[in-house]
Amino acid sequence: MATRVKELLNQKGYEVWTVEVDSTVREALLLMAEKQIGAVPVVEADAIRGIFSERDFVHFVAATGEASLETPVRKLMVHPVYFVDPEQTCEDCMTLMTGKFLRHLPVVENDKLIGIVTIGDIIRGIISDKNTKIQNLEHFAWSNVI
């Protein structure tokens, strides 16, 4: 059986750190450094408006030559936001993430942000699924040999 997003969140936790659309790049980067995360959802009135990542900052600086840490994250955030439901599988997430070149996916249930999964989480889930399938096939093969 395929691992679902809710199972990943049960293992890693549901805590999500966010920043407001008017937060500065400095505030977002400090939060990300403190929490040791690579991206944060950008919210306004409890609705996700975008995603801001370290990569977005690097791309902005490279493209503009501007490195102002006082720039609002709304100017650098990626939007629209792609998200997943907790019932979706790791395979669903991998398809979306590879197709859209995403590294982070917010998890939304009943219009509420309940977690975030990363490409690393998804890969671990897919590897776990494959290992389980291999073990089941080995067990099946050995039970039919004897």
N, C-alpha and C. Protein backbone atom coordinates (compact mmCIF):
# COMPACT_ATOMS: atom_id res chain seq x y z
N MET A 1 0.84 -1.18 0.00
CA MET A 1 0.00 0.00 0.00
C MET A 1 0.89 1.25 0.00
N ALA A 2 0.49 2.24 -0.75
CA ALA A 2 1.29 3.45 -0.91
C ALA A 2 1.20 4.35 0.33
N THR A 3 2.34 4.90 0.70
CA THR A 3 2.39 5.83 1.83
C THR A 3 1.66 7.11 1.47
N ARG A 4 0.82 7.57 2.38
CA ARG A 4 0.06 8.80 2.19
C ARG A 4 0.74 9.95 2.94
N VAL A 5 0.44 11.15 2.51
CA VAL A 5 1.01 12.36 3.11
C VAL A 5 0.74 12.41 4.61
N LYS A 6 -0.45 12.00 5.02
CA LYS A 6 -0.78 12.05 6.46
C LYS A 6 0.14 11.14 7.26
N GLU A 7 0.59 10.03 6.69
CA GLU A 7 1.51 9.13 7.38
C GLU A 7 2.89 9.79 7.54
N LEU A 8 3.32 10.53 6.51
CA LEU A 8 4.57 11.27 6.62
C LEU A 8 4.48 12.31 7.72
N LEU A 9 3.36 13.04 7.77
CA LEU A 9 3.18 14.07 8.79
C LEU A 9 3.09 13.47 10.18
N ASN A 10 2.50 12.27 10.30
CA ASN A 10 2.46 11.61 11.60
C ASN A 10 3.86 11.29 12.10
N GLN A 11 4.78 11.00 11.18
CA GLN A 11 6.16 10.69 11.54
C GLN A 11 6.97 11.95 11.84
N LYS A 12 6.84 12.97 10.97
CA LYS A 12 7.71 14.15 11.10
C LYS A 12 7.10 15.28 11.91
N GLY A 13 5.79 15.28 12.05
CA GLY A 13 5.14 16.33 12.80
C GLY A 13 4.36 17.29 11.90
N TYR A 14 3.45 17.98 12.54
CA TYR A 14 2.55 18.87 11.81
C TYR A 14 2.93 20.34 11.94
N GLU A 15 3.97 20.64 12.69
CA GLU A 15 4.31 22.04 12.94
C GLU A 15 4.80 22.71 11.65
N VAL A 16 4.26 23.90 11.39
CA VAL A 16 4.64 24.68 10.22
C VAL A 16 4.91 26.11 10.66
N TRP A 17 6.05 26.64 10.24
CA TRP A 17 6.38 28.03 10.52
C TRP A 17 6.08 28.83 9.27
N THR A 18 5.44 29.97 9.44
CA THR A 18 5.04 30.82 8.32
C THR A 18 5.53 32.25 8.56
N VAL A 19 5.48 33.03 7.49
CA VAL A 19 5.72 34.47 7.59
C VAL A 19 4.57 35.18 6.88
N GLU A 20 4.34 36.41 7.28
CA GLU A 20 3.31 37.23 6.64
C GLU A 20 3.83 37.82 5.34
N VAL A 21 2.94 38.21 4.44
CA VAL A 21 3.34 38.76 3.15
C VAL A 21 4.20 40.02 3.28
N ASP A 22 4.01 40.78 4.35
CA ASP A 22 4.78 42.00 4.55
C ASP A 22 6.04 41.79 5.37
N SER A 23 6.31 40.55 5.77
CA SER A 23 7.56 40.26 6.48
C SER A 23 8.74 40.56 5.55
N THR A 24 9.86 40.93 6.15
CA THR A 24 11.04 41.19 5.34
C THR A 24 11.78 39.90 5.04
N VAL A 25 12.62 39.96 4.04
CA VAL A 25 13.47 38.83 3.70
C VAL A 25 14.31 38.47 4.92
N ARG A 26 14.83 39.47 5.63
CA ARG A 26 15.63 39.23 6.83
C ARG A 26 14.84 38.40 7.85
N GLU A 27 13.60 38.78 8.12
CA GLU A 27 12.78 38.05 9.09
C GLU A 27 12.56 36.60 8.65
N ALA A 28 12.30 36.42 7.37
CA ALA A 28 12.07 35.07 6.86
C ALA A 28 13.34 34.23 6.95
N LEU A 29 14.47 34.81 6.54
CA LEU A 29 15.73 34.07 6.58
C LEU A 29 16.15 33.74 8.01
N LEU A 30 15.93 34.66 8.93
CA LEU A 30 16.25 34.39 10.34
C LEU A 30 15.39 33.24 10.89
N LEU A 31 14.10 33.25 10.57
CA LEU A 31 13.22 32.16 11.00
C LEU A 31 13.68 30.84 10.41
N MET A 32 13.99 30.85 9.13
CA MET A 32 14.42 29.63 8.47
C MET A 32 15.73 29.11 9.06
N ALA A 33 16.65 30.01 9.39
CA ALA A 33 17.91 29.59 10.00
C ALA A 33 17.67 29.02 11.40
N GLU A 34 16.83 29.69 12.17
CA GLU A 34 16.53 29.24 13.54
C GLU A 34 15.88 27.87 13.55
N LYS A 35 14.96 27.64 12.64
CA LYS A 35 14.21 26.37 12.61
C LYS A 35 14.88 25.32 11.73
N GLN A 36 15.98 25.70 11.07
CA GLN A 36 16.72 24.81 10.17
C GLN A 36 15.82 24.24 9.08
N ILE A 37 15.13 25.15 8.40
CA ILE A 37 14.24 24.77 7.30
C ILE A 37 14.63 25.57 6.06
N GLY A 38 14.25 25.08 4.89
CA GLY A 38 14.65 25.71 3.64
C GLY A 38 13.61 26.60 3.01
N ALA A 39 12.39 26.60 3.55
CA ALA A 39 11.32 27.40 2.96
C ALA A 39 10.22 27.63 3.98
N VAL A 40 9.46 28.70 3.76
CA VAL A 40 8.31 28.99 4.61
C VAL A 40 7.12 29.39 3.74
N PRO A 41 5.94 28.94 4.10
CA PRO A 41 4.74 29.45 3.45
C PRO A 41 4.56 30.93 3.82
N VAL A 42 4.10 31.70 2.87
CA VAL A 42 3.83 33.12 3.09
C VAL A 42 2.31 33.26 3.18
N VAL A 43 1.83 33.83 4.29
CA VAL A 43 0.39 33.87 4.55
C VAL A 43 -0.10 35.31 4.69
N GLU A 44 -1.39 35.43 4.45
CA GLU A 44 -2.10 36.69 4.65
C GLU A 44 -3.51 36.33 5.07
N ALA A 45 -3.93 36.82 6.22
CA ALA A 45 -5.27 36.52 6.74
C ALA A 45 -5.52 35.01 6.76
N ASP A 46 -4.54 34.26 7.26
CA ASP A 46 -4.62 32.79 7.38
C ASP A 46 -4.74 32.04 6.06
N ALA A 47 -4.49 32.71 4.94
CA ALA A 47 -4.50 32.04 3.64
C ALA A 47 -3.09 32.03 3.07
N ILE A 48 -2.71 30.92 2.46
CA ILE A 48 -1.38 30.82 1.85
C ILE A 48 -1.37 31.64 0.56
N ARG A 49 -0.42 32.55 0.48
CA ARG A 49 -0.28 33.40 -0.71
C ARG A 49 0.94 33.05 -1.54
N GLY A 50 1.88 32.33 -0.94
CA GLY A 50 3.10 31.98 -1.66
C GLY A 50 4.01 31.13 -0.80
N ILE A 51 5.16 30.82 -1.38
CA ILE A 51 6.21 30.09 -0.68
C ILE A 51 7.49 30.88 -0.89
N PHE A 52 8.27 31.04 0.18
CA PHE A 52 9.55 31.73 0.07
C PHE A 52 10.63 30.75 0.52
N SER A 53 11.67 30.60 -0.30
CA SER A 53 12.75 29.68 0.02
C SER A 53 14.10 30.36 -0.11
N GLU A 54 15.10 29.70 0.44
CA GLU A 54 16.48 30.19 0.30
C GLU A 54 16.82 30.33 -1.18
N ARG A 55 16.38 29.39 -1.96
CA ARG A 55 16.65 29.39 -3.40
C ARG A 55 16.03 30.62 -4.06
N ASP A 56 14.83 31.02 -3.61
CA ASP A 56 14.19 32.21 -4.18
C ASP A 56 15.04 33.45 -3.93
N PHE A 57 15.62 33.54 -2.74
CA PHE A 57 16.47 34.68 -2.40
C PHE A 57 17.71 34.70 -3.29
N VAL A 58 18.36 33.55 -3.43
CA VAL A 58 19.56 33.45 -4.25
C VAL A 58 19.25 33.83 -5.71
N HIS A 59 18.14 33.33 -6.24
CA HIS A 59 17.76 33.65 -7.62
C HIS A 59 17.48 35.14 -7.77
N PHE A 60 16.83 35.75 -6.78
CA PHE A 60 16.54 37.18 -6.82
C PHE A 60 17.82 38.00 -6.84
N VAL A 61 18.75 37.65 -5.97
CA VAL A 61 20.02 38.39 -5.90
C VAL A 61 20.79 38.21 -7.22
N ALA A 62 20.84 36.99 -7.73
CA ALA A 62 21.56 36.73 -8.97
C ALA A 62 20.96 37.49 -10.15
N ALA A 63 19.63 37.56 -10.20
CA ALA A 63 18.95 38.21 -11.33
C ALA A 63 18.99 39.72 -11.25
N THR A 64 18.92 40.28 -10.05
CA THR A 64 18.80 41.74 -9.91
C THR A 64 20.06 42.42 -9.39
N GLY A 65 20.93 41.66 -8.75
CA GLY A 65 22.09 42.26 -8.12
C GLY A 65 21.73 42.96 -6.82
N GLU A 66 20.46 42.92 -6.48
CA GLU A 66 19.95 43.58 -5.27
C GLU A 66 19.90 42.55 -4.15
N ALA A 67 20.48 42.90 -2.99
CA ALA A 67 20.50 41.96 -1.88
C ALA A 67 19.89 42.58 -0.63
N SER A 68 18.89 43.41 -0.81
CA SER A 68 18.27 44.08 0.33
C SER A 68 17.50 43.09 1.19
N LEU A 69 17.90 43.01 2.44
CA LEU A 69 17.22 42.13 3.38
C LEU A 69 15.93 42.75 3.89
N GLU A 70 15.68 43.99 3.54
CA GLU A 70 14.45 44.66 3.97
C GLU A 70 13.34 44.56 2.94
N THR A 71 13.60 43.88 1.83
CA THR A 71 12.59 43.66 0.81
C THR A 71 11.49 42.77 1.37
N PRO A 72 10.22 43.12 1.13
CA PRO A 72 9.13 42.25 1.59
C PRO A 72 9.17 40.90 0.85
N VAL A 73 8.90 39.83 1.56
CA VAL A 73 8.93 38.50 0.92
C VAL A 73 7.91 38.38 -0.21
N ARG A 74 6.86 39.18 -0.17
CA ARG A 74 5.85 39.10 -1.24
C ARG A 74 6.45 39.36 -2.61
N LYS A 75 7.57 40.11 -2.64
CA LYS A 75 8.22 40.42 -3.92
C LYS A 75 9.06 39.26 -4.45
N LEU A 76 9.40 38.33 -3.58
CA LEU A 76 10.26 37.21 -3.99
C LEU A 76 9.56 35.86 -3.94
N MET A 77 8.43 35.78 -3.25
CA MET A 77 7.77 34.49 -3.05
C MET A 77 7.28 33.91 -4.38
N VAL A 78 7.21 32.60 -4.41
CA VAL A 78 6.69 31.88 -5.57
C VAL A 78 5.19 31.72 -5.38
N HIS A 79 4.45 32.04 -6.43
CA HIS A 79 3.01 31.84 -6.41
C HIS A 79 2.53 31.63 -7.83
N PRO A 80 1.47 30.98 -8.12
CA PRO A 80 0.54 30.39 -7.15
C PRO A 80 1.19 29.22 -6.42
N VAL A 81 0.57 28.84 -5.33
CA VAL A 81 1.08 27.77 -4.48
C VAL A 81 0.42 26.45 -4.87
N TYR A 82 1.24 25.45 -5.08
CA TYR A 82 0.74 24.10 -5.27
C TYR A 82 0.73 23.44 -3.90
N PHE A 83 -0.31 22.68 -3.62
CA PHE A 83 -0.40 22.02 -2.33
C PHE A 83 -1.02 20.65 -2.52
N VAL A 84 -0.95 19.85 -1.46
CA VAL A 84 -1.51 18.50 -1.50
C VAL A 84 -2.44 18.30 -0.32
N ASP A 85 -3.25 17.29 -0.46
CA ASP A 85 -4.21 16.85 0.56
C ASP A 85 -3.53 15.73 1.36
N PRO A 86 -3.85 15.58 2.64
CA PRO A 86 -3.21 14.53 3.44
C PRO A 86 -3.48 13.11 2.94
N GLU A 87 -4.51 12.92 2.14
CA GLU A 87 -4.83 11.58 1.63
C GLU A 87 -4.05 11.23 0.37
N GLN A 88 -3.36 12.19 -0.22
CA GLN A 88 -2.60 11.90 -1.43
C GLN A 88 -1.38 11.05 -1.11
N THR A 89 -0.90 10.33 -2.10
CA THR A 89 0.24 9.43 -1.91
C THR A 89 1.56 10.14 -2.20
N CYS A 90 2.64 9.50 -1.78
CA CYS A 90 3.96 10.02 -2.09
C CYS A 90 4.18 10.07 -3.61
N GLU A 91 3.64 9.09 -4.31
CA GLU A 91 3.76 9.08 -5.78
C GLU A 91 3.07 10.31 -6.38
N ASP A 92 1.88 10.66 -5.86
CA ASP A 92 1.19 11.87 -6.32
C ASP A 92 2.08 13.10 -6.12
N CYS A 93 2.67 13.18 -4.94
CA CYS A 93 3.53 14.32 -4.61
C CYS A 93 4.74 14.38 -5.52
N MET A 94 5.36 13.22 -5.75
CA MET A 94 6.56 13.17 -6.60
C MET A 94 6.23 13.63 -8.01
N THR A 95 5.09 13.22 -8.52
CA THR A 95 4.68 13.65 -9.86
C THR A 95 4.55 15.17 -9.92
N LEU A 96 3.89 15.75 -8.94
CA LEU A 96 3.70 17.20 -8.89
C LEU A 96 5.04 17.92 -8.70
N MET A 97 5.84 17.44 -7.77
CA MET A 97 7.10 18.11 -7.46
C MET A 97 8.08 18.08 -8.62
N THR A 98 8.18 16.95 -9.29
CA THR A 98 9.11 16.87 -10.42
C THR A 98 8.56 17.63 -11.62
N GLY A 99 7.26 17.60 -11.81
CA GLY A 99 6.65 18.32 -12.94
C GLY A 99 6.73 19.83 -12.81
N LYS A 100 6.70 20.33 -11.58
CA LYS A 100 6.69 21.78 -11.34
C LYS A 100 8.00 22.26 -10.71
N PHE A 101 8.99 21.37 -10.57
CA PHE A 101 10.30 21.71 -9.99
C PHE A 101 10.16 22.29 -8.59
N LEU A 102 9.41 21.60 -7.75
CA LEU A 102 9.15 22.04 -6.37
C LEU A 102 9.96 21.22 -5.39
N ARG A 103 10.33 21.84 -4.27
CA ARG A 103 11.03 21.13 -3.21
C ARG A 103 10.20 21.06 -1.93
N HIS A 104 9.16 21.88 -1.85
CA HIS A 104 8.32 21.95 -0.66
C HIS A 104 6.86 22.00 -1.08
N LEU A 105 6.02 21.24 -0.40
CA LEU A 105 4.58 21.23 -0.69
C LEU A 105 3.80 21.43 0.60
N PRO A 106 3.04 22.51 0.68
CA PRO A 106 2.14 22.66 1.82
C PRO A 106 1.06 21.58 1.77
N VAL A 107 0.63 21.16 2.94
CA VAL A 107 -0.45 20.17 3.05
C VAL A 107 -1.66 20.92 3.60
N VAL A 108 -2.75 20.89 2.85
CA VAL A 108 -3.96 21.63 3.21
C VAL A 108 -5.12 20.67 3.35
N GLU A 109 -5.86 20.85 4.45
CA GLU A 109 -7.06 20.05 4.70
C GLU A 109 -8.17 21.01 5.15
N ASN A 110 -9.31 20.92 4.47
CA ASN A 110 -10.44 21.81 4.78
C ASN A 110 -10.01 23.29 4.76
N ASP A 111 -9.26 23.65 3.74
CA ASP A 111 -8.77 25.03 3.54
C ASP A 111 -7.85 25.52 4.65
N LYS A 112 -7.27 24.60 5.41
CA LYS A 112 -6.36 24.98 6.50
C LYS A 112 -5.01 24.32 6.29
N LEU A 113 -3.94 25.11 6.44
CA LEU A 113 -2.57 24.60 6.34
C LEU A 113 -2.30 23.73 7.56
N ILE A 114 -2.01 22.44 7.33
CA ILE A 114 -1.78 21.54 8.46
C ILE A 114 -0.36 20.98 8.50
N GLY A 115 0.43 21.22 7.47
CA GLY A 115 1.79 20.70 7.46
C GLY A 115 2.49 21.07 6.17
N ILE A 116 3.71 20.59 6.06
CA ILE A 116 4.48 20.79 4.83
C ILE A 116 5.36 19.55 4.64
N VAL A 117 5.48 19.10 3.40
CA VAL A 117 6.36 17.98 3.09
C VAL A 117 7.42 18.46 2.11
N THR A 118 8.60 17.86 2.24
CA THR A 118 9.72 18.22 1.39
C THR A 118 10.00 17.09 0.41
N ILE A 119 10.83 17.38 -0.56
CA ILE A 119 11.21 16.35 -1.52
C ILE A 119 11.91 15.20 -0.80
N GLY A 120 12.66 15.51 0.26
CA GLY A 120 13.31 14.44 1.04
C GLY A 120 12.30 13.54 1.72
N ASP A 121 11.24 14.14 2.29
CA ASP A 121 10.18 13.34 2.92
C ASP A 121 9.56 12.39 1.90
N ILE A 122 9.29 12.92 0.71
CA ILE A 122 8.63 12.13 -0.34
C ILE A 122 9.53 11.00 -0.80
N ILE A 123 10.80 11.27 -0.99
CA ILE A 123 11.73 10.21 -1.42
C ILE A 123 11.81 9.12 -0.36
N ARG A 124 11.89 9.51 0.92
CA ARG A 124 11.92 8.49 1.98
C ARG A 124 10.64 7.65 1.96
N GLY A 125 9.49 8.28 1.73
CA GLY A 125 8.23 7.54 1.65
C GLY A 125 8.21 6.56 0.49
N ILE A 126 8.69 6.99 -0.65
CA ILE A 126 8.71 6.12 -1.84
C ILE A 126 9.68 4.96 -1.64
N ILE A 127 10.84 5.22 -1.05
CA ILE A 127 11.80 4.15 -0.78
C ILE A 127 11.21 3.14 0.19
N SER A 128 10.52 3.63 1.21
CA SER A 128 9.86 2.74 2.17
C SER A 128 8.83 1.86 1.47
N ASP A 129 8.04 2.46 0.58
CA ASP A 129 7.04 1.69 -0.18
C ASP A 129 7.71 0.60 -1.02
N LYS A 130 8.81 0.95 -1.68
CA LYS A 130 9.52 -0.02 -2.54
C LYS A 130 10.11 -1.14 -1.69
N ASN A 131 10.69 -0.79 -0.54
CA ASN A 131 11.25 -1.82 0.34
C ASN A 131 10.18 -2.78 0.84
N THR A 132 9.02 -2.24 1.19
CA THR A 132 7.90 -3.09 1.63
C THR A 132 7.46 -4.02 0.51
N LYS A 133 7.39 -3.49 -0.69
CA LYS A 133 6.98 -4.31 -1.84
C LYS A 133 7.99 -5.43 -2.09
N ILE A 134 9.28 -5.11 -1.98
CA ILE A 134 10.31 -6.13 -2.18
C ILE A 134 10.20 -7.21 -1.12
N GLN A 135 10.01 -6.82 0.13
CA GLN A 135 9.88 -7.80 1.22
C GLN A 135 8.66 -8.69 1.00
N ASN A 136 7.55 -8.10 0.57
CA ASN A 136 6.35 -8.89 0.31
C ASN A 136 6.56 -9.88 -0.83
N LEU A 137 7.25 -9.44 -1.88
CA LEU A 137 7.53 -10.34 -3.00
C LEU A 137 8.49 -11.46 -2.58
N GLU A 138 9.49 -11.12 -1.78
CA GLU A 138 10.42 -12.15 -1.30
C GLU A 138 9.68 -13.18 -0.44
N HIS A 139 8.81 -12.67 0.44
CA HIS A 139 8.04 -13.57 1.30
C HIS A 139 7.14 -14.47 0.44
N PHE A 140 6.50 -13.89 -0.54
CA PHE A 140 5.63 -14.66 -1.44
C PHE A 140 6.44 -15.72 -2.18
N ALA A 141 7.59 -15.31 -2.71
CA ALA A 141 8.41 -16.24 -3.47
C ALA A 141 8.88 -17.39 -2.59
N TRP A 142 9.36 -17.09 -1.39
CA TRP A 142 9.86 -18.14 -0.51
C TRP A 142 8.73 -19.03 -0.01
N SER A 143 7.56 -18.48 0.21
CA SER A 143 6.44 -19.32 0.70
C SER A 143 5.94 -20.26 -0.38
N ASN A 144 6.19 -19.92 -1.65
CA ASN A 144 5.76 -20.79 -2.74
C ASN A 144 6.84 -21.80 -3.13
N VAL A 145 8.06 -21.61 -2.65
CA VAL A 145 9.15 -22.53 -2.94
C VAL A 145 9.07 -23.74 -2.02
N ILE A 146 8.70 -23.49 -0.81
CA ILE A 146 8.71 -24.55 0.20
C ILE A 146 7.52 -25.44 0.08
